[in-house]
Amino acid sequence: MQQTLRQLESTMTDITPEQLALLGELNAQIEENGRHYIVESLTVEQMREHGYDVTEQDAGVIDRIAEKVEVGADMLWNSVAIWARNYGVKTLEDY
């Protein structure tokens, strides 16, 4: 997205200070949003897709795991692995 923003900026002629400020703000928002995985969307389905043996009854554990991690997607699942082990959540590979 930032590359597209830079391409847009390169096509603009006579950029006003207001436009430049808006482009800078948009670039900062893209960068900030790209660093975080939306943790509140961590669901039973996502946990199962990543190999965890969970049901709706495990929602409380999933919520506690989600509270612990607020990072990028790769780091999210590495953190989920740590906290899932800590809370005794089995993986599907355990069977």
PDB file of N, CA and C in Angstrom:
ATOM      1  N   MET A   1       0.813  -1.184   0.000  1.00  0.00           N
ATOM      2  CA  MET A   1       0.000   0.000   0.000  1.00  0.00           C
ATOM      3  C   MET A   1       0.865   1.261   0.000  1.00  0.00           C
ATOM      4  N   GLN A   2       1.983   1.198   0.723  1.00  0.00           N
ATOM      5  CA  GLN A   2       2.848   2.375   0.753  1.00  0.00           C
ATOM      6  C   GLN A   2       3.459   2.636  -0.614  1.00  0.00           C
ATOM      7  N   GLN A   3       3.772   1.561  -1.331  1.00  0.00           N
ATOM      8  CA  GLN A   3       4.321   1.727  -2.682  1.00  0.00           C
ATOM      9  C   GLN A   3       3.289   2.402  -3.585  1.00  0.00           C
ATOM     10  N   THR A   4       2.048   1.994  -3.497  1.00  0.00           N
ATOM     11  CA  THR A   4       0.977   2.613  -4.281  1.00  0.00           C
ATOM     12  C   THR A   4       0.822   4.084  -3.903  1.00  0.00           C
ATOM     13  N   LEU A   5       0.936   4.376  -2.629  1.00  0.00           N
ATOM     14  CA  LEU A   5       0.857   5.763  -2.173  1.00  0.00           C
ATOM     15  C   LEU A   5       2.009   6.586  -2.756  1.00  0.00           C
ATOM     16  N   ARG A   6       3.212   6.016  -2.775  1.00  0.00           N
ATOM     17  CA  ARG A   6       4.352   6.727  -3.366  1.00  0.00           C
ATOM     18  C   ARG A   6       4.148   6.934  -4.864  1.00  0.00           C
ATOM     19  N   GLN A   7       3.577   5.934  -5.555  1.00  0.00           N
ATOM     20  CA  GLN A   7       3.294   6.078  -6.985  1.00  0.00           C
ATOM     21  C   GLN A   7       2.286   7.191  -7.221  1.00  0.00           C
ATOM     22  N   LEU A   8       1.256   7.236  -6.387  1.00  0.00           N
ATOM     23  CA  LEU A   8       0.258   8.300  -6.495  1.00  0.00           C
ATOM     24  C   LEU A   8       0.916   9.657  -6.303  1.00  0.00           C
ATOM     25  N   GLU A   9       1.750   9.751  -5.273  1.00  0.00           N
ATOM     26  CA  GLU A   9       2.417  11.014  -4.979  1.00  0.00           C
ATOM     27  C   GLU A   9       3.299  11.451  -6.146  1.00  0.00           C
ATOM     28  N   SER A  10       3.955  10.496  -6.812  1.00  0.00           N
ATOM     29  CA  SER A  10       4.839  10.848  -7.926  1.00  0.00           C
ATOM     30  C   SER A  10       4.066  11.353  -9.148  1.00  0.00           C
ATOM     31  N   THR A  11       2.778  11.016  -9.242  1.00  0.00           N
ATOM     32  CA  THR A  11       1.985  11.485 -10.379  1.00  0.00           C
ATOM     33  C   THR A  11       1.356  12.841 -10.119  1.00  0.00           C
ATOM     34  N   MET A  12       1.414  13.296  -8.879  1.00  0.00           N
ATOM     35  CA  MET A  12       0.783  14.570  -8.519  1.00  0.00           C
ATOM     36  C   MET A  12       1.751  15.719  -8.814  1.00  0.00           C
ATOM     37  N   THR A  13       1.237  16.742  -9.454  1.00  0.00           N
ATOM     38  CA  THR A  13       2.050  17.931  -9.702  1.00  0.00           C
ATOM     39  C   THR A  13       1.569  19.049  -8.797  1.00  0.00           C
ATOM     40  N   ASP A  14       2.472  19.910  -8.433  1.00  0.00           N
ATOM     41  CA  ASP A  14       2.150  21.051  -7.580  1.00  0.00           C
ATOM     42  C   ASP A  14       1.391  20.632  -6.322  1.00  0.00           C
ATOM     43  N   ILE A  15       2.016  19.746  -5.536  1.00  0.00           N
ATOM     44  CA  ILE A  15       1.393  19.264  -4.310  1.00  0.00           C
ATOM     45  C   ILE A  15       1.341  20.400  -3.292  1.00  0.00           C
ATOM     46  N   THR A  16       0.160  20.623  -2.765  1.00  0.00           N
ATOM     47  CA  THR A  16      -0.015  21.679  -1.763  1.00  0.00           C
ATOM     48  C   THR A  16       0.476  21.166  -0.406  1.00  0.00           C
ATOM     49  N   PRO A  17       0.796  22.065   0.509  1.00  0.00           N
ATOM     50  CA  PRO A  17       1.190  21.632   1.851  1.00  0.00           C
ATOM     51  C   PRO A  17       0.118  20.771   2.532  1.00  0.00           C
ATOM     52  N   GLU A  18      -1.145  21.107   2.298  1.00  0.00           N
ATOM     53  CA  GLU A  18      -2.234  20.306   2.878  1.00  0.00           C
ATOM     54  C   GLU A  18      -2.237  18.893   2.301  1.00  0.00           C
ATOM     55  N   GLN A  19      -2.057  18.755   0.979  1.00  0.00           N
ATOM     56  CA  GLN A  19      -2.005  17.437   0.360  1.00  0.00           C
ATOM     57  C   GLN A  19      -0.801  16.650   0.869  1.00  0.00           C
ATOM     58  N   LEU A  20       0.335  17.324   1.003  1.00  0.00           N
ATOM     59  CA  LEU A  20       1.540  16.671   1.500  1.00  0.00           C
ATOM     60  C   LEU A  20       1.338  16.170   2.928  1.00  0.00           C
ATOM     61  N   ALA A  21       0.668  16.964   3.751  1.00  0.00           N
ATOM     62  CA  ALA A  21       0.375  16.554   5.125  1.00  0.00           C
ATOM     63  C   ALA A  21      -0.557  15.339   5.138  1.00  0.00           C
ATOM     64  N   LEU A  22      -1.560  15.353   4.278  1.00  0.00           N
ATOM     65  CA  LEU A  22      -2.492  14.223   4.199  1.00  0.00           C
ATOM     66  C   LEU A  22      -1.785  12.958   3.727  1.00  0.00           C
ATOM     67  N   LEU A  23      -0.911  13.093   2.743  1.00  0.00           N
ATOM     68  CA  LEU A  23      -0.147  11.935   2.260  1.00  0.00           C
ATOM     69  C   LEU A  23       0.745  11.390   3.373  1.00  0.00           C
ATOM     70  N   GLY A  24       1.364  12.282   4.123  1.00  0.00           N
ATOM     71  CA  GLY A  24       2.202  11.850   5.235  1.00  0.00           C
ATOM     72  C   GLY A  24       1.403  11.141   6.310  1.00  0.00           C
ATOM     73  N   GLU A  25       0.231  11.676   6.613  1.00  0.00           N
ATOM     74  CA  GLU A  25      -0.640  11.054   7.615  1.00  0.00           C
ATOM     75  C   GLU A  25      -1.111   9.681   7.147  1.00  0.00           C
ATOM     76  N   LEU A  26      -1.511   9.577   5.893  1.00  0.00           N
ATOM     77  CA  LEU A  26      -1.949   8.300   5.346  1.00  0.00           C
ATOM     78  C   LEU A  26      -0.815   7.280   5.368  1.00  0.00           C
ATOM     79  N   ASN A  27       0.377   7.704   5.007  1.00  0.00           N
ATOM     80  CA  ASN A  27       1.535   6.815   5.027  1.00  0.00           C
ATOM     81  C   ASN A  27       1.802   6.314   6.445  1.00  0.00           C
ATOM     82  N   ALA A  28       1.717   7.203   7.425  1.00  0.00           N
ATOM     83  CA  ALA A  28       1.935   6.810   8.819  1.00  0.00           C
ATOM     84  C   ALA A  28       0.870   5.819   9.284  1.00  0.00           C
ATOM     85  N   GLN A  29      -0.379   6.041   8.896  1.00  0.00           N
ATOM     86  CA  GLN A  29      -1.461   5.123   9.274  1.00  0.00           C
ATOM     87  C   GLN A  29      -1.263   3.753   8.645  1.00  0.00           C
ATOM     88  N   ILE A  30      -0.848   3.726   7.376  1.00  0.00           N
ATOM     89  CA  ILE A  30      -0.597   2.445   6.698  1.00  0.00           C
ATOM     90  C   ILE A  30       0.514   1.701   7.419  1.00  0.00           C
ATOM     91  N   GLU A  31       1.572   2.416   7.765  1.00  0.00           N
ATOM     92  CA  GLU A  31       2.695   1.780   8.458  1.00  0.00           C
ATOM     93  C   GLU A  31       2.269   1.248   9.812  1.00  0.00           C
ATOM     94  N   GLU A  32       1.540   2.027  10.581  1.00  0.00           N
ATOM     95  CA  GLU A  32       1.111   1.607  11.909  1.00  0.00           C
ATOM     96  C   GLU A  32       0.148   0.423  11.843  1.00  0.00           C
ATOM     97  N   ASN A  33      -0.822   0.479  10.950  1.00  0.00           N
ATOM     98  CA  ASN A  33      -1.800  -0.606  10.836  1.00  0.00           C
ATOM     99  C   ASN A  33      -1.165  -1.878  10.323  1.00  0.00           C
ATOM    100  N   GLY A  34      -0.135  -1.763   9.527  1.00  0.00           N
ATOM    101  CA  GLY A  34       0.544  -2.935   9.006  1.00  0.00           C
ATOM    102  C   GLY A  34       1.339  -3.687  10.045  1.00  0.00           C
ATOM    103  N   ARG A  35       1.587  -3.084  11.177  1.00  0.00           N
ATOM    104  CA  ARG A  35       2.390  -3.714  12.224  1.00  0.00           C
ATOM    105  C   ARG A  35       1.566  -4.561  13.178  1.00  0.00           C
ATOM    106  N   HIS A  36       0.269  -4.424  13.135  1.00  0.00           N
ATOM    107  CA  HIS A  36      -0.564  -5.093  14.133  1.00  0.00           C
ATOM    108  C   HIS A  36      -1.578  -6.026  13.490  1.00  0.00           C
ATOM    109  N   TYR A  37      -1.746  -7.142  14.117  1.00  0.00           N
ATOM    110  CA  TYR A  37      -2.777  -8.094  13.740  1.00  0.00           C
ATOM    111  C   TYR A  37      -3.979  -7.782  14.619  1.00  0.00           C
ATOM    112  N   ILE A  38      -5.149  -7.790  14.055  1.00  0.00           N
ATOM    113  CA  ILE A  38      -6.337  -7.460  14.846  1.00  0.00           C
ATOM    114  C   ILE A  38      -6.640  -8.643  15.757  1.00  0.00           C
ATOM    115  N   VAL A  39      -6.178  -8.536  16.978  1.00  0.00           N
ATOM    116  CA  VAL A  39      -6.243  -9.658  17.903  1.00  0.00           C
ATOM    117  C   VAL A  39      -7.666  -9.980  18.322  1.00  0.00           C
ATOM    118  N   GLU A  40      -8.527  -8.963  18.409  1.00  0.00           N
ATOM    119  CA  GLU A  40      -9.888  -9.274  18.839  1.00  0.00           C
ATOM    120  C   GLU A  40     -10.611 -10.188  17.864  1.00  0.00           C
ATOM    121  N   SER A  41     -10.001 -10.426  16.687  1.00  0.00           N
ATOM    122  CA  SER A  41     -10.622 -11.330  15.728  1.00  0.00           C
ATOM    123  C   SER A  41     -10.130 -12.766  15.906  1.00  0.00           C
ATOM    124  N   LEU A  42      -9.311 -13.024  16.923  1.00  0.00           N
ATOM    125  CA  LEU A  42      -8.818 -14.376  17.177  1.00  0.00           C
ATOM    126  C   LEU A  42     -10.011 -15.251  17.567  1.00  0.00           C
ATOM    127  N   THR A  43     -10.279 -16.264  16.756  1.00  0.00           N
ATOM    128  CA  THR A  43     -11.476 -17.079  16.936  1.00  0.00           C
ATOM    129  C   THR A  43     -11.131 -18.554  17.081  1.00  0.00           C
ATOM    130  N   VAL A  44     -12.124 -19.329  17.484  1.00  0.00           N
ATOM    131  CA  VAL A  44     -11.975 -20.782  17.556  1.00  0.00           C
ATOM    132  C   VAL A  44     -11.593 -21.305  16.173  1.00  0.00           C
ATOM    133  N   GLU A  45     -12.251 -20.822  15.143  1.00  0.00           N
ATOM    134  CA  GLU A  45     -11.970 -21.280  13.776  1.00  0.00           C
ATOM    135  C   GLU A  45     -10.509 -21.008  13.393  1.00  0.00           C
ATOM    136  N   GLN A  46     -10.014 -19.806  13.710  1.00  0.00           N
ATOM    137  CA  GLN A  46      -8.621 -19.486  13.397  1.00  0.00           C
ATOM    138  C   GLN A  46      -7.668 -20.380  14.185  1.00  0.00           C
ATOM    139  N   MET A  47      -7.973 -20.610  15.440  1.00  0.00           N
ATOM    140  CA  MET A  47      -7.123 -21.484  16.257  1.00  0.00           C
ATOM    141  C   MET A  47      -7.086 -22.894  15.656  1.00  0.00           C
ATOM    142  N   ARG A  48      -8.245 -23.391  15.235  1.00  0.00           N
ATOM    143  CA  ARG A  48      -8.297 -24.725  14.628  1.00  0.00           C
ATOM    144  C   ARG A  48      -7.523 -24.747  13.315  1.00  0.00           C
ATOM    145  N   GLU A  49      -7.640 -23.682  12.511  1.00  0.00           N
ATOM    146  CA  GLU A  49      -6.896 -23.602  11.250  1.00  0.00           C
ATOM    147  C   GLU A  49      -5.391 -23.650  11.486  1.00  0.00           C
ATOM    148  N   HIS A  50      -4.970 -23.192  12.648  1.00  0.00           N
ATOM    149  CA  HIS A  50      -3.547 -23.210  12.980  1.00  0.00           C
ATOM    150  C   HIS A  50      -3.172 -24.427  13.821  1.00  0.00           C
ATOM    151  N   GLY A  51      -4.079 -25.401  13.871  1.00  0.00           N
ATOM    152  CA  GLY A  51      -3.741 -26.691  14.451  1.00  0.00           C
ATOM    153  C   GLY A  51      -4.038 -26.877  15.920  1.00  0.00           C
ATOM    154  N   TYR A  52      -4.860 -26.021  16.520  1.00  0.00           N
ATOM    155  CA  TYR A  52      -5.188 -26.163  17.939  1.00  0.00           C
ATOM    156  C   TYR A  52      -6.529 -26.866  18.105  1.00  0.00           C
ATOM    157  N   ASP A  53      -6.582 -27.754  19.097  1.00  0.00           N
ATOM    158  CA  ASP A  53      -7.787 -28.513  19.399  1.00  0.00           C
ATOM    159  C   ASP A  53      -8.631 -27.708  20.377  1.00  0.00           C
ATOM    160  N   VAL A  54      -9.451 -26.813  19.845  1.00  0.00           N
ATOM    161  CA  VAL A  54     -10.275 -25.944  20.682  1.00  0.00           C
ATOM    162  C   VAL A  54     -11.724 -26.009  20.221  1.00  0.00           C
ATOM    163  N   THR A  55     -12.616 -25.682  21.147  1.00  0.00           N
ATOM    164  CA  THR A  55     -14.042 -25.588  20.852  1.00  0.00           C
ATOM    165  C   THR A  55     -14.537 -24.259  21.397  1.00  0.00           C
ATOM    166  N   GLU A  56     -15.805 -23.998  21.233  1.00  0.00           N
ATOM    167  CA  GLU A  56     -16.394 -22.769  21.769  1.00  0.00           C
ATOM    168  C   GLU A  56     -16.218 -22.692  23.288  1.00  0.00           C
ATOM    169  N   GLN A  57     -16.121 -23.852  23.944  1.00  0.00           N
ATOM    170  CA  GLN A  57     -15.920 -23.869  25.393  1.00  0.00           C
ATOM    171  C   GLN A  57     -14.562 -23.282  25.782  1.00  0.00           C
ATOM    172  N   ASP A  58     -13.620 -23.216  24.828  1.00  0.00           N
ATOM    173  CA  ASP A  58     -12.288 -22.672  25.087  1.00  0.00           C
ATOM    174  C   ASP A  58     -12.201 -21.175  24.828  1.00  0.00           C
ATOM    175  N   ALA A  59     -13.331 -20.530  24.584  1.00  0.00           N
ATOM    176  CA  ALA A  59     -13.335 -19.107  24.236  1.00  0.00           C
ATOM    177  C   ALA A  59     -12.648 -18.265  25.304  1.00  0.00           C
ATOM    178  N   GLY A  60     -12.825 -18.608  26.555  1.00  0.00           N
ATOM    179  CA  GLY A  60     -12.174 -17.861  27.632  1.00  0.00           C
ATOM    180  C   GLY A  60     -10.662 -17.939  27.546  1.00  0.00           C
ATOM    181  N   VAL A  61     -10.154 -19.125  27.242  1.00  0.00           N
ATOM    182  CA  VAL A  61      -8.705 -19.293  27.087  1.00  0.00           C
ATOM    183  C   VAL A  61      -8.220 -18.505  25.878  1.00  0.00           C
ATOM    184  N   ILE A  62      -8.975 -18.562  24.790  1.00  0.00           N
ATOM    185  CA  ILE A  62      -8.603 -17.828  23.583  1.00  0.00           C
ATOM    186  C   ILE A  62      -8.575 -16.329  23.865  1.00  0.00           C
ATOM    187  N   ASP A  63      -9.547 -15.839  24.623  1.00  0.00           N
ATOM    188  CA  ASP A  63      -9.556 -14.424  25.003  1.00  0.00           C
ATOM    189  C   ASP A  63      -8.325 -14.066  25.827  1.00  0.00           C
ATOM    190  N   ARG A  64      -7.946 -14.944  26.755  1.00  0.00           N
ATOM    191  CA  ARG A  64      -6.756 -14.668  27.579  1.00  0.00           C
ATOM    192  C   ARG A  64      -5.506 -14.659  26.709  1.00  0.00           C
ATOM    193  N   ILE A  65      -5.425 -15.560  25.725  1.00  0.00           N
ATOM    194  CA  ILE A  65      -4.289 -15.579  24.804  1.00  0.00           C
ATOM    195  C   ILE A  65      -4.275 -14.284  23.999  1.00  0.00           C
ATOM    196  N   ALA A  66      -5.433 -13.887  23.479  1.00  0.00           N
ATOM    197  CA  ALA A  66      -5.519 -12.675  22.656  1.00  0.00           C
ATOM    198  C   ALA A  66      -5.097 -11.440  23.439  1.00  0.00           C
ATOM    199  N   GLU A  67      -5.378 -11.408  24.730  1.00  0.00           N
ATOM    200  CA  GLU A  67      -4.975 -10.269  25.560  1.00  0.00           C
ATOM    201  C   GLU A  67      -3.457 -10.148  25.641  1.00  0.00           C
ATOM    202  N   LYS A  68      -2.754 -11.258  25.479  1.00  0.00           N
ATOM    203  CA  LYS A  68      -1.314 -11.277  25.669  1.00  0.00           C
ATOM    204  C   LYS A  68      -0.544 -10.854  24.415  1.00  0.00           C
ATOM    205  N   VAL A  69      -1.184 -10.918  23.248  1.00  0.00           N
ATOM    206  CA  VAL A  69      -0.460 -10.688  21.996  1.00  0.00           C
ATOM    207  C   VAL A  69      -1.110  -9.588  21.179  1.00  0.00           C
ATOM    208  N   GLU A  70      -0.304  -8.610  20.784  1.00  0.00           N
ATOM    209  CA  GLU A  70      -0.766  -7.518  19.937  1.00  0.00           C
ATOM    210  C   GLU A  70       0.363  -7.150  18.986  1.00  0.00           C
ATOM    211  N   VAL A  71       0.682  -8.047  18.068  1.00  0.00           N
ATOM    212  CA  VAL A  71       1.827  -7.859  17.181  1.00  0.00           C
ATOM    213  C   VAL A  71       1.470  -8.289  15.775  1.00  0.00           C
ATOM    214  N   GLY A  72       2.461  -8.397  14.904  1.00  0.00           N
ATOM    215  CA  GLY A  72       2.236  -8.848  13.541  1.00  0.00           C
ATOM    216  C   GLY A  72       1.766 -10.289  13.497  1.00  0.00           C
ATOM    217  N   ALA A  73       1.250 -10.701  12.342  1.00  0.00           N
ATOM    218  CA  ALA A  73       0.643 -12.030  12.201  1.00  0.00           C
ATOM    219  C   ALA A  73       1.620 -13.160  12.555  1.00  0.00           C
ATOM    220  N   ASP A  74       2.865 -13.104  12.067  1.00  0.00           N
ATOM    221  CA  ASP A  74       3.822 -14.163  12.399  1.00  0.00           C
ATOM    222  C   ASP A  74       4.100 -14.202  13.893  1.00  0.00           C
ATOM    223  N   MET A  75       4.314 -13.029  14.457  1.00  0.00           N
ATOM    224  CA  MET A  75       4.583 -12.971  15.885  1.00  0.00           C
ATOM    225  C   MET A  75       3.348 -13.373  16.681  1.00  0.00           C
ATOM    226  N   LEU A  76       2.164 -13.070  16.152  1.00  0.00           N
ATOM    227  CA  LEU A  76       0.929 -13.470  16.823  1.00  0.00           C
ATOM    228  C   LEU A  76       0.909 -14.971  17.019  1.00  0.00           C
ATOM    229  N   TRP A  77       1.123 -15.733  15.954  1.00  0.00           N
ATOM    230  CA  TRP A  77       0.993 -17.181  16.056  1.00  0.00           C
ATOM    231  C   TRP A  77       2.128 -17.795  16.855  1.00  0.00           C
ATOM    232  N   ASN A  78       3.310 -17.188  16.849  1.00  0.00           N
ATOM    233  CA  ASN A  78       4.378 -17.656  17.729  1.00  0.00           C
ATOM    234  C   ASN A  78       3.984 -17.415  19.181  1.00  0.00           C
ATOM    235  N   SER A  79       3.398 -16.264  19.456  1.00  0.00           N
ATOM    236  CA  SER A  79       2.946 -15.955  20.814  1.00  0.00           C
ATOM    237  C   SER A  79       1.776 -16.842  21.218  1.00  0.00           C
ATOM    238  N   VAL A  80       0.858 -17.079  20.288  1.00  0.00           N
ATOM    239  CA  VAL A  80      -0.263 -17.983  20.574  1.00  0.00           C
ATOM    240  C   VAL A  80       0.277 -19.355  20.957  1.00  0.00           C
ATOM    241  N   ALA A  81       1.295 -19.839  20.249  1.00  0.00           N
ATOM    242  CA  ALA A  81       1.870 -21.153  20.554  1.00  0.00           C
ATOM    243  C   ALA A  81       2.384 -21.198  21.989  1.00  0.00           C
ATOM    244  N   ILE A  82       3.071 -20.150  22.405  1.00  0.00           N
ATOM    245  CA  ILE A  82       3.602 -20.097  23.771  1.00  0.00           C
ATOM    246  C   ILE A  82       2.475 -20.101  24.789  1.00  0.00           C
ATOM    247  N   TRP A  83       1.497 -19.207  24.604  1.00  0.00           N
ATOM    248  CA  TRP A  83       0.415 -19.093  25.587  1.00  0.00           C
ATOM    249  C   TRP A  83      -0.527 -20.282  25.537  1.00  0.00           C
ATOM    250  N   ALA A  84      -0.714 -20.882  24.377  1.00  0.00           N
ATOM    251  CA  ALA A  84      -1.561 -22.079  24.288  1.00  0.00           C
ATOM    252  C   ALA A  84      -0.928 -23.209  25.105  1.00  0.00           C
ATOM    253  N   ARG A  85       0.400 -23.369  24.973  1.00  0.00           N
ATOM    254  CA  ARG A  85       1.084 -24.376  25.803  1.00  0.00           C
ATOM    255  C   ARG A  85       0.920 -24.042  27.284  1.00  0.00           C
ATOM    256  N   ASN A  86       1.068 -22.766  27.618  1.00  0.00           N
ATOM    257  CA  ASN A  86       0.949 -22.325  29.006  1.00  0.00           C
ATOM    258  C   ASN A  86      -0.427 -22.654  29.584  1.00  0.00           C
ATOM    259  N   TYR A  87      -1.480 -22.503  28.768  1.00  0.00           N
ATOM    260  CA  TYR A  87      -2.843 -22.782  29.226  1.00  0.00           C
ATOM    261  C   TYR A  87      -3.279 -24.223  28.962  1.00  0.00           C
ATOM    262  N   GLY A  88      -2.376 -25.046  28.453  1.00  0.00           N
ATOM    263  CA  GLY A  88      -2.679 -26.462  28.253  1.00  0.00           C
ATOM    264  C   GLY A  88      -3.552 -26.767  27.055  1.00  0.00           C
ATOM    265  N   VAL A  89      -3.565 -25.892  26.043  1.00  0.00           N
ATOM    266  CA  VAL A  89      -4.346 -26.149  24.836  1.00  0.00           C
ATOM    267  C   VAL A  89      -3.560 -27.117  23.958  1.00  0.00           C
ATOM    268  N   LYS A  90      -4.171 -28.238  23.627  1.00  0.00           N
ATOM    269  CA  LYS A  90      -3.508 -29.239  22.796  1.00  0.00           C
ATOM    270  C   LYS A  90      -3.576 -28.863  21.341  1.00  0.00           C
ATOM    271  N   THR A  91      -2.571 -29.275  20.590  1.00  0.00           N
ATOM    272  CA  THR A  91      -2.606 -29.093  19.143  1.00  0.00           C
ATOM    273  C   THR A  91      -3.221 -30.347  18.522  1.00  0.00           C
ATOM    274  N   LEU A  92      -3.697 -30.226  17.319  1.00  0.00           N
ATOM    275  CA  LEU A  92      -4.267 -31.378  16.622  1.00  0.00           C
ATOM    276  C   LEU A  92      -3.207 -32.438  16.364  1.00  0.00           C
ATOM    277  N   GLU A  93      -1.941 -32.018  16.295  1.00  0.00           N
ATOM    278  CA  GLU A  93      -0.838 -32.960  16.087  1.00  0.00           C
ATOM    279  C   GLU A  93      -0.626 -33.850  17.308  1.00  0.00           C
ATOM    280  N   ASP A  94      -1.152 -33.454  18.452  1.00  0.00           N
ATOM    281  CA  ASP A  94      -0.992 -34.249  19.677  1.00  0.00           C
ATOM    282  C   ASP A  94      -1.789 -35.562  19.627  1.00  0.00           C
ATOM    283  N   TYR A  95      -2.658 -35.709  18.639  1.00  0.00           N
ATOM    284  CA  TYR A  95      -3.509 -36.913  18.581  1.00  0.00           C
ATOM    285  C   TYR A  95      -2.967 -37.938  17.614  1.00  0.00           C
TER     286      TYR A  95
END
